[in-house]
Amino acid sequence: MNAWLALLRDLYLMRRGPSDAPYSPTALVVLFGIAMGLGVATNAVGAADPQTPVVLIAHVVELVLLNALMTVKGHASRFVQTAISELLAALPFAVSIHVVLSFIGPLPNPVTPDNVRPEHALLMPLVPLTFWWLGVRIRILSQAIEVPPLRAFALLTLLWIAKMVLLAPFVTAPIE
């Protein structure tokens, strides 16, 4: 357990990269299950209209797209370690979002100035964490596929767009 916490700390401090993660398909499955569980719980707590199947599909699509990218770039053998690093780095972010949303309840759908409550300001401290997490993700991908950070950012953006396009058929329209 201490080795996992040390890896997480060093990923967030950008001292280590995906090559320092253990090659363990079992750990990948466990982390993937934890990420899916947190995603479903956060969606149930924070969404006015929870869409559990979309959350589950989103996690699968993310890993499939990451695997496809790494295969195209010729680094498929690094997928397990990279996915472990990505999922491990996402845990503090997902937990903090879940904790804050469990305090403030579901977010209004749609969000307008009229229906935002003062307790929604509790989400503001998560903004710097979001940018730090993005930086960690850029560094992980940059090291995993051996590209400069700016190109890794562009690839992460393309992966996000591809995920949104693939998930579009599963998302229901917001309730007006």
C-alpha atoms as a PDB file:
ATOM      1  CA  MET A   1       0.000   0.000   0.000  1.00  0.00           C
ATOM      2  CA  ASN A   2       2.805   2.404   0.831  1.00  0.00           C
ATOM      3  CA  ALA A   3       4.365   1.768  -2.585  1.00  0.00           C
ATOM      4  CA  TRP A   4       1.071   2.734  -4.278  1.00  0.00           C
ATOM      5  CA  LEU A   5       0.771   5.912  -2.206  1.00  0.00           C
ATOM      6  CA  ALA A   6       4.401   6.763  -2.961  1.00  0.00           C
ATOM      7  CA  LEU A   7       3.761   6.226  -6.671  1.00  0.00           C
ATOM      8  CA  LEU A   8       0.649   8.411  -6.499  1.00  0.00           C
ATOM      9  CA  ARG A   9       2.534  11.143  -4.659  1.00  0.00           C
ATOM     10  CA  ASP A  10       5.406  11.026  -7.120  1.00  0.00           C
ATOM     11  CA  LEU A  11       3.050  11.078 -10.109  1.00  0.00           C
ATOM     12  CA  TYR A  12       1.374  14.203  -8.716  1.00  0.00           C
ATOM     13  CA  LEU A  13       4.734  15.813  -7.933  1.00  0.00           C
ATOM     14  CA  MET A  14       5.901  14.819 -11.442  1.00  0.00           C
ATOM     15  CA  ARG A  15       8.913  12.943 -10.104  1.00  0.00           C
ATOM     16  CA  ARG A  16       7.972   9.618 -11.676  1.00  0.00           C
ATOM     17  CA  GLY A  17       6.143   8.519 -14.772  1.00  0.00           C
ATOM     18  CA  PRO A  18       4.195   5.567 -16.121  1.00  0.00           C
ATOM     19  CA  SER A  19       7.340   3.484 -16.522  1.00  0.00           C
ATOM     20  CA  ASP A  20       7.603   3.459 -12.717  1.00  0.00           C
ATOM     21  CA  ALA A  21       4.173   1.856 -12.331  1.00  0.00           C
ATOM     22  CA  PRO A  22       4.125  -1.912 -11.928  1.00  0.00           C
ATOM     23  CA  TYR A  23       3.106  -4.060 -14.864  1.00  0.00           C
ATOM     24  CA  SER A  24       0.105  -5.690 -13.238  1.00  0.00           C
ATOM     25  CA  PRO A  25      -3.059  -6.472 -15.205  1.00  0.00           C
ATOM     26  CA  THR A  26      -4.711  -7.376 -11.895  1.00  0.00           C
ATOM     27  CA  ALA A  27      -3.945  -3.938 -10.463  1.00  0.00           C
ATOM     28  CA  LEU A  28      -5.313  -2.389 -13.662  1.00  0.00           C
ATOM     29  CA  VAL A  29      -8.594  -4.273 -13.263  1.00  0.00           C
ATOM     30  CA  VAL A  30      -8.853  -3.298  -9.578  1.00  0.00           C
ATOM     31  CA  LEU A  31      -8.127   0.384 -10.281  1.00  0.00           C
ATOM     32  CA  PHE A  32     -10.552   0.315 -13.193  1.00  0.00           C
ATOM     33  CA  GLY A  33     -13.258  -1.114 -10.914  1.00  0.00           C
ATOM     34  CA  ILE A  34     -12.580   1.564  -8.301  1.00  0.00           C
ATOM     35  CA  ALA A  35     -12.716   4.290 -10.963  1.00  0.00           C
ATOM     36  CA  MET A  36     -16.008   2.940 -12.307  1.00  0.00           C
ATOM     37  CA  GLY A  37     -17.473   2.725  -8.815  1.00  0.00           C
ATOM     38  CA  LEU A  38     -16.439   6.282  -7.998  1.00  0.00           C
ATOM     39  CA  GLY A  39     -17.780   7.488 -11.337  1.00  0.00           C
ATOM     40  CA  VAL A  40     -21.163   5.879 -10.760  1.00  0.00           C
ATOM     41  CA  ALA A  41     -21.343   7.167  -7.167  1.00  0.00           C
ATOM     42  CA  THR A  42     -20.375  10.702  -8.167  1.00  0.00           C
ATOM     43  CA  ASN A  43     -22.861  10.681 -11.024  1.00  0.00           C
ATOM     44  CA  ALA A  44     -25.620   9.483  -8.701  1.00  0.00           C
ATOM     45  CA  VAL A  45     -24.848  12.177  -6.121  1.00  0.00           C
ATOM     46  CA  GLY A  46     -23.982  15.088  -8.400  1.00  0.00           C
ATOM     47  CA  ALA A  47     -26.308  14.794 -11.368  1.00  0.00           C
ATOM     48  CA  ALA A  48     -29.912  15.890 -11.410  1.00  0.00           C
ATOM     49  CA  ASP A  49     -30.497  13.169 -14.022  1.00  0.00           C
ATOM     50  CA  PRO A  50     -28.000  10.336 -13.279  1.00  0.00           C
ATOM     51  CA  GLN A  51     -26.882   8.371 -16.327  1.00  0.00           C
ATOM     52  CA  THR A  52     -25.079   5.364 -14.896  1.00  0.00           C
ATOM     53  CA  PRO A  53     -24.713   3.439 -18.206  1.00  0.00           C
ATOM     54  CA  VAL A  54     -23.025   6.456 -19.799  1.00  0.00           C
ATOM     55  CA  VAL A  55     -20.513   6.663 -16.937  1.00  0.00           C
ATOM     56  CA  LEU A  56     -19.670   2.971 -17.280  1.00  0.00           C
ATOM     57  CA  ILE A  57     -19.352   3.215 -21.064  1.00  0.00           C
ATOM     58  CA  ALA A  58     -17.204   6.353 -20.728  1.00  0.00           C
ATOM     59  CA  HIS A  59     -14.590   4.552 -18.629  1.00  0.00           C
ATOM     60  CA  VAL A  60     -14.396   1.666 -21.086  1.00  0.00           C
ATOM     61  CA  VAL A  61     -14.192   4.036 -24.083  1.00  0.00           C
ATOM     62  CA  GLU A  62     -11.369   5.994 -22.425  1.00  0.00           C
ATOM     63  CA  LEU A  63      -9.221   2.911 -21.967  1.00  0.00           C
ATOM     64  CA  VAL A  64      -9.994   1.597 -25.456  1.00  0.00           C
ATOM     65  CA  LEU A  65      -9.014   4.939 -27.012  1.00  0.00           C
ATOM     66  CA  LEU A  66      -5.821   5.082 -24.928  1.00  0.00           C
ATOM     67  CA  ASN A  67      -4.938   1.551 -26.027  1.00  0.00           C
ATOM     68  CA  ALA A  68      -5.638   2.450 -29.671  1.00  0.00           C
ATOM     69  CA  LEU A  69      -3.442   5.549 -29.452  1.00  0.00           C
ATOM     70  CA  MET A  70      -0.599   3.649 -27.839  1.00  0.00           C
ATOM     71  CA  THR A  71      -0.879   0.880 -30.437  1.00  0.00           C
ATOM     72  CA  VAL A  72      -0.801   3.389 -33.292  1.00  0.00           C
ATOM     73  CA  LYS A  73       2.250   5.086 -31.765  1.00  0.00           C
ATOM     74  CA  GLY A  74       3.990   1.698 -31.404  1.00  0.00           C
ATOM     75  CA  HIS A  75       3.930   1.557 -27.606  1.00  0.00           C
ATOM     76  CA  ALA A  76       1.195  -1.010 -26.965  1.00  0.00           C
ATOM     77  CA  SER A  77       3.458  -2.876 -24.527  1.00  0.00           C
ATOM     78  CA  ARG A  78       3.315   0.149 -22.195  1.00  0.00           C
ATOM     79  CA  PHE A  79      -0.478   0.259 -22.059  1.00  0.00           C
ATOM     80  CA  VAL A  80      -0.943  -1.487 -18.702  1.00  0.00           C
ATOM     81  CA  GLN A  81       1.538   0.756 -16.883  1.00  0.00           C
ATOM     82  CA  THR A  82       0.178   3.890 -18.562  1.00  0.00           C
ATOM     83  CA  ALA A  83      -3.430   2.983 -17.776  1.00  0.00           C
ATOM     84  CA  ILE A  84      -2.489   2.243 -14.161  1.00  0.00           C
ATOM     85  CA  SER A  85      -0.779   5.634 -13.920  1.00  0.00           C
ATOM     86  CA  GLU A  86      -3.780   7.404 -15.485  1.00  0.00           C
ATOM     87  CA  LEU A  87      -6.294   5.695 -13.205  1.00  0.00           C
ATOM     88  CA  LEU A  88      -4.157   6.168 -10.107  1.00  0.00           C
ATOM     89  CA  ALA A  89      -3.694   9.871 -10.877  1.00  0.00           C
ATOM     90  CA  ALA A  90      -7.451  10.259 -11.386  1.00  0.00           C
ATOM     91  CA  LEU A  91      -8.364   8.841  -7.963  1.00  0.00           C
ATOM     92  CA  PRO A  92      -7.678  11.941  -5.791  1.00  0.00           C
ATOM     93  CA  PHE A  93      -9.507  14.067  -8.333  1.00  0.00           C
ATOM     94  CA  ALA A  94     -12.531  11.726  -8.436  1.00  0.00           C
ATOM     95  CA  VAL A  95     -12.653  11.378  -4.651  1.00  0.00           C
ATOM     96  CA  SER A  96     -12.498  15.146  -4.104  1.00  0.00           C
ATOM     97  CA  ILE A  97     -15.311  15.729  -6.605  1.00  0.00           C
ATOM     98  CA  HIS A  98     -17.417  13.032  -4.937  1.00  0.00           C
ATOM     99  CA  VAL A  99     -16.852  14.502  -1.467  1.00  0.00           C
ATOM    100  CA  VAL A 100     -17.769  18.034  -2.545  1.00  0.00           C
ATOM    101  CA  LEU A 101     -20.838  16.904  -4.504  1.00  0.00           C
ATOM    102  CA  SER A 102     -22.047  14.813  -1.577  1.00  0.00           C
ATOM    103  CA  PHE A 103     -22.075  18.017   0.500  1.00  0.00           C
ATOM    104  CA  ILE A 104     -23.818  20.251  -2.020  1.00  0.00           C
ATOM    105  CA  GLY A 105     -26.152  17.748  -3.656  1.00  0.00           C
ATOM    106  CA  PRO A 106     -27.067  17.486  -7.318  1.00  0.00           C
ATOM    107  CA  LEU A 107     -26.048  20.252  -9.673  1.00  0.00           C
ATOM    108  CA  PRO A 108     -28.926  22.014 -11.398  1.00  0.00           C
ATOM    109  CA  ASN A 109     -29.639  21.011 -14.963  1.00  0.00           C
ATOM    110  CA  PRO A 110     -29.235  23.351 -16.825  1.00  0.00           C
ATOM    111  CA  VAL A 111     -26.976  25.611 -14.769  1.00  0.00           C
ATOM    112  CA  THR A 112     -28.131  29.230 -14.869  1.00  0.00           C
ATOM    113  CA  PRO A 113     -27.362  32.196 -12.578  1.00  0.00           C
ATOM    114  CA  ASP A 114     -30.869  31.869 -11.129  1.00  0.00           C
ATOM    115  CA  ASN A 115     -30.517  28.300  -9.863  1.00  0.00           C
ATOM    116  CA  VAL A 116     -26.908  28.319  -8.568  1.00  0.00           C
ATOM    117  CA  ARG A 117     -26.757  28.155  -4.774  1.00  0.00           C
ATOM    118  CA  PRO A 118     -23.988  29.600  -2.543  1.00  0.00           C
ATOM    119  CA  GLU A 119     -22.736  26.130  -1.603  1.00  0.00           C
ATOM    120  CA  HIS A 120     -21.777  25.559  -5.244  1.00  0.00           C
ATOM    121  CA  ALA A 121     -18.790  27.796  -4.471  1.00  0.00           C
ATOM    122  CA  LEU A 122     -17.312  24.721  -2.754  1.00  0.00           C
ATOM    123  CA  LEU A 123     -16.486  23.480  -6.260  1.00  0.00           C
ATOM    124  CA  MET A 124     -14.063  26.365  -6.830  1.00  0.00           C
ATOM    125  CA  PRO A 125     -11.090  24.806  -4.970  1.00  0.00           C
ATOM    126  CA  LEU A 126     -11.316  21.903  -7.426  1.00  0.00           C
ATOM    127  CA  VAL A 127     -10.363  24.176 -10.356  1.00  0.00           C
ATOM    128  CA  PRO A 128      -6.612  24.269  -9.532  1.00  0.00           C
ATOM    129  CA  LEU A 129      -6.694  20.521  -8.858  1.00  0.00           C
ATOM    130  CA  THR A 130      -8.253  20.033 -12.298  1.00  0.00           C
ATOM    131  CA  PHE A 131      -5.414  21.902 -13.995  1.00  0.00           C
ATOM    132  CA  TRP A 132      -2.796  20.028 -11.977  1.00  0.00           C
ATOM    133  CA  TRP A 133      -4.433  16.713 -12.889  1.00  0.00           C
ATOM    134  CA  LEU A 134      -4.381  17.749 -16.547  1.00  0.00           C
ATOM    135  CA  GLY A 135      -0.663  18.509 -16.230  1.00  0.00           C
ATOM    136  CA  VAL A 136      -0.064  15.110 -14.659  1.00  0.00           C
ATOM    137  CA  ARG A 137      -2.023  13.418 -17.469  1.00  0.00           C
ATOM    138  CA  ILE A 138      -0.016  15.331 -20.084  1.00  0.00           C
ATOM    139  CA  ARG A 139       3.230  14.231 -18.462  1.00  0.00           C
ATOM    140  CA  ILE A 140       2.101  10.594 -18.220  1.00  0.00           C
ATOM    141  CA  LEU A 141       1.086  10.452 -21.882  1.00  0.00           C
ATOM    142  CA  SER A 142       4.166  12.393 -22.984  1.00  0.00           C
ATOM    143  CA  GLN A 143       6.464   9.902 -21.299  1.00  0.00           C
ATOM    144  CA  ALA A 144       4.430   6.859 -22.326  1.00  0.00           C
ATOM    145  CA  ILE A 145       4.466   7.545 -26.064  1.00  0.00           C
ATOM    146  CA  GLU A 146       7.626   9.657 -26.114  1.00  0.00           C
ATOM    147  CA  VAL A 147       6.216  12.891 -27.514  1.00  0.00           C
ATOM    148  CA  PRO A 148       6.681  16.495 -26.377  1.00  0.00           C
ATOM    149  CA  PRO A 149       4.188  17.747 -23.751  1.00  0.00           C
ATOM    150  CA  LEU A 150       2.409  20.065 -26.198  1.00  0.00           C
ATOM    151  CA  ARG A 151       1.755  17.163 -28.565  1.00  0.00           C
ATOM    152  CA  ALA A 152       0.592  15.044 -25.603  1.00  0.00           C
ATOM    153  CA  PHE A 153      -1.859  17.832 -24.701  1.00  0.00           C
ATOM    154  CA  ALA A 154      -3.145  17.871 -28.295  1.00  0.00           C
ATOM    155  CA  LEU A 155      -3.531  14.076 -28.246  1.00  0.00           C
ATOM    156  CA  LEU A 156      -5.377  14.187 -24.906  1.00  0.00           C
ATOM    157  CA  THR A 157      -7.690  16.801 -26.405  1.00  0.00           C
ATOM    158  CA  LEU A 158      -8.305  14.584 -29.440  1.00  0.00           C
ATOM    159  CA  LEU A 159      -8.961  11.598 -27.160  1.00  0.00           C
ATOM    160  CA  TRP A 160     -11.491  13.666 -25.205  1.00  0.00           C
ATOM    161  CA  ILE A 161     -13.238  14.779 -28.417  1.00  0.00           C
ATOM    162  CA  ALA A 162     -13.324  11.184 -29.685  1.00  0.00           C
ATOM    163  CA  LYS A 163     -14.778  10.028 -26.358  1.00  0.00           C
ATOM    164  CA  MET A 164     -17.486  12.704 -26.492  1.00  0.00           C
ATOM    165  CA  VAL A 165     -18.373  11.776 -30.078  1.00  0.00           C
ATOM    166  CA  LEU A 166     -18.568   8.077 -29.199  1.00  0.00           C
ATOM    167  CA  LEU A 167     -20.682   8.779 -26.099  1.00  0.00           C
ATOM    168  CA  ALA A 168     -23.093  11.196 -27.822  1.00  0.00           C
ATOM    169  CA  PRO A 169     -25.600   8.483 -28.823  1.00  0.00           C
ATOM    170  CA  PHE A 170     -25.857   7.313 -25.204  1.00  0.00           C
ATOM    171  CA  VAL A 171     -26.438  10.696 -23.558  1.00  0.00           C
ATOM    172  CA  THR A 172     -30.021  11.769 -23.051  1.00  0.00           C
ATOM    173  CA  ALA A 173     -31.027  15.372 -23.573  1.00  0.00           C
ATOM    174  CA  PRO A 174     -31.120  17.597 -20.457  1.00  0.00           C
ATOM    175  CA  ILE A 175     -34.475  18.070 -18.795  1.00  0.00           C
ATOM    176  CA  GLU A 176     -35.742  21.619 -19.327  1.00  0.00           C
END
